Amino acid sequence: MESVEHQQQAATRSRSPSLPAAPPSPPLSPNSAAAAALANARWTPTKEQVGVLEGLYRQGLRTPTAEQIQQVTARLQKHGPIEGKNVFYWFQNHKARQRQRQKQQAFDYFSKQF
């Protein structure tokens, strides 16, 4: 059995030379902290944005191309902040939830039959 110290030495030797550690960041000012919080905030769609997205889904748009995502994003930006990734994930999630609802409805139907 190897000792913990021996394992640590072996691991240190097998690693490639590491870069020096970055100096610690200066503390964030309140403005910087607020800006960082906004940058990492979740997207909350407006009613108008949801209405447009659901309309497109009802019209048959299920997996938009990159170009379609850009077009939809530009259209939705009139109603509030949004990014292309929000549009992409909205369609992905909506499709998955729709499938789950259909499976649940089928299960409920068959469970009532028996």
N, C-alpha and C. Protein backbone atom coordinates (compact mmCIF):
# COMPACT_ATOMS: atom_id res chain seq x y z
N MET A 1 0.83 -1.18 0.00
CA MET A 1 0.00 0.00 0.00
C MET A 1 0.88 1.24 0.00
N GLU A 2 0.53 2.20 -0.84
CA GLU A 2 1.31 3.43 -0.91
C GLU A 2 0.82 4.41 0.15
N SER A 3 1.73 5.20 0.62
CA SER A 3 1.33 6.22 1.57
C SER A 3 0.70 7.38 0.80
N VAL A 4 -0.07 8.17 1.51
CA VAL A 4 -0.72 9.33 0.91
C VAL A 4 0.34 10.28 0.37
N GLU A 5 1.42 10.45 1.12
CA GLU A 5 2.49 11.36 0.69
C GLU A 5 3.11 10.87 -0.61
N HIS A 6 3.33 9.56 -0.71
CA HIS A 6 3.92 8.99 -1.92
C HIS A 6 2.99 9.20 -3.11
N GLN A 7 1.67 9.03 -2.92
CA GLN A 7 0.70 9.24 -3.99
C GLN A 7 0.70 10.70 -4.45
N GLN A 8 0.80 11.61 -3.49
CA GLN A 8 0.81 13.03 -3.83
C GLN A 8 2.06 13.38 -4.63
N GLN A 9 3.20 12.83 -4.24
CA GLN A 9 4.44 13.10 -4.97
C GLN A 9 4.35 12.56 -6.39
N ALA A 10 3.79 11.38 -6.55
CA ALA A 10 3.65 10.78 -7.87
C ALA A 10 2.71 11.62 -8.73
N ALA A 11 1.65 12.09 -8.15
CA ALA A 11 0.69 12.92 -8.89
C ALA A 11 1.33 14.23 -9.31
N THR A 12 2.16 14.80 -8.44
CA THR A 12 2.83 16.06 -8.75
C THR A 12 3.81 15.87 -9.90
N ARG A 13 4.53 14.76 -9.91
CA ARG A 13 5.50 14.50 -10.98
C ARG A 13 4.80 14.25 -12.31
N SER A 14 3.62 13.64 -12.31
CA SER A 14 2.95 13.29 -13.55
C SER A 14 2.25 14.48 -14.20
N ARG A 15 2.00 15.53 -13.45
CA ARG A 15 1.35 16.72 -14.01
C ARG A 15 2.32 17.50 -14.87
N SER A 16 1.75 18.18 -15.84
CA SER A 16 2.58 19.07 -16.64
C SER A 16 2.87 20.31 -15.80
N PRO A 17 3.91 21.05 -16.16
CA PRO A 17 4.23 22.23 -15.37
C PRO A 17 3.03 23.17 -15.34
N SER A 18 2.68 23.60 -14.16
CA SER A 18 1.50 24.45 -14.03
C SER A 18 1.88 25.91 -14.14
N LEU A 19 0.91 26.69 -14.55
CA LEU A 19 1.10 28.13 -14.65
C LEU A 19 1.03 28.73 -13.26
N PRO A 20 1.71 29.84 -13.05
CA PRO A 20 1.61 30.46 -11.74
C PRO A 20 0.17 30.90 -11.47
N ALA A 21 -0.20 30.86 -10.22
CA ALA A 21 -1.57 31.23 -9.84
C ALA A 21 -1.81 32.69 -10.16
N ALA A 22 -3.03 32.98 -10.63
CA ALA A 22 -3.40 34.36 -10.95
C ALA A 22 -3.52 35.15 -9.65
N PRO A 23 -3.14 36.41 -9.68
CA PRO A 23 -3.29 37.21 -8.47
C PRO A 23 -4.77 37.37 -8.14
N PRO A 24 -5.09 37.50 -6.86
CA PRO A 24 -6.50 37.62 -6.49
C PRO A 24 -7.11 38.87 -7.10
N SER A 25 -8.38 38.77 -7.46
CA SER A 25 -9.10 39.90 -8.06
C SER A 25 -9.36 40.95 -6.99
N PRO A 26 -9.35 42.21 -7.40
CA PRO A 26 -9.72 43.24 -6.42
C PRO A 26 -11.19 43.11 -6.08
N PRO A 27 -11.60 43.57 -4.91
CA PRO A 27 -13.02 43.46 -4.55
C PRO A 27 -13.89 44.22 -5.55
N LEU A 28 -15.07 43.68 -5.80
CA LEU A 28 -15.98 44.31 -6.75
C LEU A 28 -16.64 45.53 -6.13
N SER A 29 -16.75 46.59 -6.91
CA SER A 29 -17.51 47.74 -6.44
C SER A 29 -18.99 47.39 -6.57
N PRO A 30 -19.86 48.11 -5.87
CA PRO A 30 -21.30 47.80 -5.98
C PRO A 30 -21.79 47.82 -7.42
N ASN A 31 -21.28 48.75 -8.22
CA ASN A 31 -21.69 48.79 -9.62
C ASN A 31 -21.24 47.56 -10.37
N SER A 32 -20.03 47.10 -10.10
CA SER A 32 -19.52 45.91 -10.77
C SER A 32 -20.30 44.67 -10.32
N ALA A 33 -20.61 44.58 -9.06
CA ALA A 33 -21.36 43.43 -8.56
C ALA A 33 -22.75 43.40 -9.18
N ALA A 34 -23.35 44.56 -9.31
CA ALA A 34 -24.67 44.63 -9.93
C ALA A 34 -24.59 44.23 -11.40
N ALA A 35 -23.55 44.69 -12.06
CA ALA A 35 -23.39 44.35 -13.47
C ALA A 35 -23.17 42.85 -13.63
N ALA A 36 -22.38 42.27 -12.75
CA ALA A 36 -22.14 40.83 -12.81
C ALA A 36 -23.42 40.06 -12.53
N ALA A 37 -24.21 40.53 -11.58
CA ALA A 37 -25.47 39.86 -11.26
C ALA A 37 -26.42 39.92 -12.46
N LEU A 38 -26.46 41.05 -13.13
CA LEU A 38 -27.32 41.16 -14.30
C LEU A 38 -26.86 40.25 -15.43
N ALA A 39 -25.56 40.13 -15.59
CA ALA A 39 -25.03 39.29 -16.66
C ALA A 39 -25.35 37.82 -16.42
N ASN A 40 -25.46 37.41 -15.17
CA ASN A 40 -25.73 36.01 -14.85
C ASN A 40 -27.19 35.76 -14.50
N ALA A 41 -28.03 36.77 -14.63
CA ALA A 41 -29.43 36.61 -14.26
C ALA A 41 -30.13 35.71 -15.27
N ARG A 42 -31.15 35.00 -14.81
CA ARG A 42 -31.94 34.17 -15.70
C ARG A 42 -32.85 35.03 -16.55
N TRP A 43 -33.17 34.54 -17.71
CA TRP A 43 -34.08 35.23 -18.60
C TRP A 43 -35.51 34.98 -18.15
N THR A 44 -36.25 36.05 -17.97
CA THR A 44 -37.66 35.93 -17.64
C THR A 44 -38.44 36.50 -18.81
N PRO A 45 -39.10 35.64 -19.57
CA PRO A 45 -39.79 36.13 -20.77
C PRO A 45 -40.99 36.99 -20.42
N THR A 46 -41.24 37.99 -21.25
CA THR A 46 -42.44 38.81 -21.08
C THR A 46 -43.62 38.06 -21.68
N LYS A 47 -44.83 38.51 -21.38
CA LYS A 47 -46.03 37.86 -21.93
C LYS A 47 -46.02 37.92 -23.45
N GLU A 48 -45.56 39.04 -23.97
CA GLU A 48 -45.51 39.20 -25.43
C GLU A 48 -44.54 38.20 -26.05
N GLN A 49 -43.37 38.03 -25.42
CA GLN A 49 -42.38 37.09 -25.94
C GLN A 49 -42.93 35.66 -25.93
N VAL A 50 -43.58 35.29 -24.84
CA VAL A 50 -44.14 33.93 -24.74
C VAL A 50 -45.22 33.75 -25.80
N GLY A 51 -46.04 34.78 -26.00
CA GLY A 51 -47.09 34.70 -27.01
C GLY A 51 -46.53 34.48 -28.40
N VAL A 52 -45.47 35.20 -28.74
CA VAL A 52 -44.84 35.04 -30.06
C VAL A 52 -44.24 33.64 -30.18
N LEU A 53 -43.52 33.20 -29.16
CA LEU A 53 -42.89 31.88 -29.21
C LEU A 53 -43.94 30.77 -29.33
N GLU A 54 -45.01 30.86 -28.56
CA GLU A 54 -46.05 29.83 -28.64
C GLU A 54 -46.74 29.86 -29.99
N GLY A 55 -46.92 31.05 -30.56
CA GLY A 55 -47.51 31.14 -31.89
C GLY A 55 -46.65 30.46 -32.93
N LEU A 56 -45.35 30.69 -32.86
CA LEU A 56 -44.43 30.04 -33.79
C LEU A 56 -44.46 28.52 -33.61
N TYR A 57 -44.55 28.08 -32.37
CA TYR A 57 -44.59 26.63 -32.10
C TYR A 57 -45.87 26.03 -32.68
N ARG A 58 -47.00 26.71 -32.49
CA ARG A 58 -48.28 26.23 -33.05
C ARG A 58 -48.25 26.18 -34.57
N GLN A 59 -47.48 27.08 -35.19
CA GLN A 59 -47.36 27.10 -36.65
C GLN A 59 -46.45 25.99 -37.16
N GLY A 60 -45.81 25.26 -36.27
CA GLY A 60 -45.00 24.12 -36.69
C GLY A 60 -43.51 24.27 -36.51
N LEU A 61 -43.06 25.42 -36.02
CA LEU A 61 -41.62 25.59 -35.80
C LEU A 61 -41.24 24.82 -34.53
N ARG A 62 -40.44 23.79 -34.67
CA ARG A 62 -40.06 22.95 -33.53
C ARG A 62 -38.57 23.06 -33.21
N THR A 63 -37.74 22.97 -34.24
CA THR A 63 -36.29 23.04 -34.07
C THR A 63 -35.76 24.11 -35.03
N PRO A 64 -35.73 25.36 -34.57
CA PRO A 64 -35.31 26.44 -35.47
C PRO A 64 -33.83 26.35 -35.83
N THR A 65 -33.52 26.75 -37.05
CA THR A 65 -32.13 26.82 -37.49
C THR A 65 -31.47 28.03 -36.84
N ALA A 66 -30.17 28.14 -36.98
CA ALA A 66 -29.44 29.28 -36.41
C ALA A 66 -29.97 30.59 -36.99
N GLU A 67 -30.26 30.59 -38.28
CA GLU A 67 -30.79 31.80 -38.92
C GLU A 67 -32.18 32.15 -38.38
N GLN A 68 -33.02 31.13 -38.21
CA GLN A 68 -34.36 31.37 -37.66
C GLN A 68 -34.28 31.89 -36.22
N ILE A 69 -33.34 31.35 -35.45
CA ILE A 69 -33.15 31.80 -34.08
C ILE A 69 -32.79 33.28 -34.06
N GLN A 70 -31.89 33.69 -34.95
CA GLN A 70 -31.51 35.10 -35.03
C GLN A 70 -32.71 35.98 -35.39
N GLN A 71 -33.52 35.52 -36.33
CA GLN A 71 -34.69 36.29 -36.74
C GLN A 71 -35.71 36.42 -35.60
N VAL A 72 -35.96 35.31 -34.92
CA VAL A 72 -36.91 35.32 -33.80
C VAL A 72 -36.38 36.20 -32.67
N THR A 73 -35.10 36.09 -32.39
CA THR A 73 -34.48 36.90 -31.33
C THR A 73 -34.63 38.38 -31.64
N ALA A 74 -34.36 38.78 -32.87
CA ALA A 74 -34.49 40.19 -33.26
C ALA A 74 -35.94 40.66 -33.09
N ARG A 75 -36.86 39.80 -33.44
CA ARG A 75 -38.29 40.14 -33.29
C ARG A 75 -38.69 40.27 -31.82
N LEU A 76 -38.17 39.39 -30.99
CA LEU A 76 -38.54 39.38 -29.57
C LEU A 76 -37.85 40.48 -28.77
N GLN A 77 -36.73 41.00 -29.26
CA GLN A 77 -36.02 42.06 -28.54
C GLN A 77 -36.84 43.34 -28.46
N LYS A 78 -37.84 43.47 -29.31
CA LYS A 78 -38.74 44.62 -29.24
C LYS A 78 -39.59 44.58 -27.97
N HIS A 79 -39.72 43.40 -27.39
CA HIS A 79 -40.57 43.20 -26.21
C HIS A 79 -39.77 43.03 -24.92
N GLY A 80 -38.45 43.11 -24.99
CA GLY A 80 -37.62 42.96 -23.79
C GLY A 80 -36.31 42.28 -24.12
N PRO A 81 -35.41 42.25 -23.12
CA PRO A 81 -34.09 41.64 -23.36
C PRO A 81 -34.20 40.13 -23.58
N ILE A 82 -33.46 39.65 -24.56
CA ILE A 82 -33.44 38.23 -24.88
C ILE A 82 -32.21 37.94 -25.73
N GLU A 83 -31.69 36.73 -25.63
CA GLU A 83 -30.55 36.28 -26.43
C GLU A 83 -30.96 35.07 -27.25
N GLY A 84 -30.16 34.78 -28.25
CA GLY A 84 -30.44 33.63 -29.10
C GLY A 84 -30.50 32.33 -28.33
N LYS A 85 -29.64 32.18 -27.33
CA LYS A 85 -29.65 30.94 -26.55
C LYS A 85 -30.98 30.77 -25.81
N ASN A 86 -31.62 31.89 -25.43
CA ASN A 86 -32.91 31.80 -24.76
C ASN A 86 -33.96 31.23 -25.71
N VAL A 87 -33.92 31.65 -26.96
CA VAL A 87 -34.86 31.15 -27.97
C VAL A 87 -34.59 29.66 -28.21
N PHE A 88 -33.33 29.31 -28.39
CA PHE A 88 -32.96 27.92 -28.62
C PHE A 88 -33.48 27.02 -27.50
N TYR A 89 -33.17 27.40 -26.25
CA TYR A 89 -33.57 26.56 -25.12
C TYR A 89 -35.07 26.58 -24.90
N TRP A 90 -35.76 27.68 -25.23
CA TRP A 90 -37.21 27.71 -25.08
C TRP A 90 -37.84 26.64 -25.95
N PHE A 91 -37.42 26.56 -27.21
CA PHE A 91 -37.98 25.56 -28.12
C PHE A 91 -37.63 24.15 -27.66
N GLN A 92 -36.39 23.96 -27.22
CA GLN A 92 -35.98 22.64 -26.75
C GLN A 92 -36.82 22.21 -25.54
N ASN A 93 -36.98 23.09 -24.58
CA ASN A 93 -37.75 22.77 -23.37
C ASN A 93 -39.23 22.61 -23.67
N HIS A 94 -39.77 23.46 -24.54
CA HIS A 94 -41.19 23.39 -24.86
C HIS A 94 -41.52 22.05 -25.53
N LYS A 95 -40.64 21.64 -26.44
CA LYS A 95 -40.83 20.36 -27.13
C LYS A 95 -40.80 19.20 -26.13
N ALA A 96 -39.86 19.23 -25.21
CA ALA A 96 -39.74 18.16 -24.21
C ALA A 96 -40.95 18.13 -23.28
N ARG A 97 -41.41 19.31 -22.86
CA ARG A 97 -42.58 19.35 -21.97
C ARG A 97 -43.83 18.88 -22.70
N GLN A 98 -43.94 19.20 -23.98
CA GLN A 98 -45.07 18.75 -24.78
C GLN A 98 -45.10 17.23 -24.86
N ARG A 99 -43.93 16.63 -25.07
CA ARG A 99 -43.85 15.16 -25.12
C ARG A 99 -44.24 14.55 -23.78
N GLN A 100 -43.79 15.18 -22.68
CA GLN A 100 -44.13 14.66 -21.35
C GLN A 100 -45.64 14.72 -21.12
N ARG A 101 -46.27 15.83 -21.53
CA ARG A 101 -47.73 15.96 -21.38
C ARG A 101 -48.46 14.89 -22.17
N GLN A 102 -48.00 14.65 -23.40
CA GLN A 102 -48.65 13.63 -24.22
C GLN A 102 -48.52 12.25 -23.61
N LYS A 103 -47.35 11.93 -23.09
CA LYS A 103 -47.15 10.63 -22.44
C LYS A 103 -48.04 10.50 -21.22
N GLN A 104 -48.15 11.58 -20.44
CA GLN A 104 -48.98 11.56 -19.24
C GLN A 104 -50.45 11.39 -19.61
N GLN A 105 -50.88 12.08 -20.66
CA GLN A 105 -52.28 11.96 -21.10
C GLN A 105 -52.57 10.55 -21.57
N ALA A 106 -51.66 9.96 -22.30
CA ALA A 106 -51.84 8.58 -22.77
C ALA A 106 -51.88 7.62 -21.59
N PHE A 107 -51.01 7.84 -20.62
CA PHE A 107 -51.01 7.00 -19.42
C PHE A 107 -52.33 7.12 -18.67
N ASP A 108 -52.79 8.38 -18.50
CA ASP A 108 -54.06 8.61 -17.79
C ASP A 108 -55.22 7.94 -18.54
N TYR A 109 -55.22 8.04 -19.85
CA TYR A 109 -56.30 7.43 -20.65
C TYR A 109 -56.33 5.93 -20.46
N PHE A 110 -55.14 5.28 -20.60
CA PHE A 110 -55.11 3.83 -20.48
C PHE A 110 -55.35 3.34 -19.06
N SER A 111 -54.93 4.13 -18.09
CA SER A 111 -55.17 3.70 -16.70
C SER A 111 -56.66 3.76 -16.37
N LYS A 112 -57.40 4.65 -17.01
CA LYS A 112 -58.87 4.71 -16.80
C LYS A 112 -59.57 3.56 -17.49
N GLN A 113 -58.98 3.03 -18.57
CA GLN A 113 -59.59 1.95 -19.34
C GLN A 113 -59.49 0.63 -18.57
N PHE A 114 -58.50 0.48 -17.73
CA PHE A 114 -58.31 -0.80 -17.03
C PHE A 114 -58.64 -0.71 -15.59
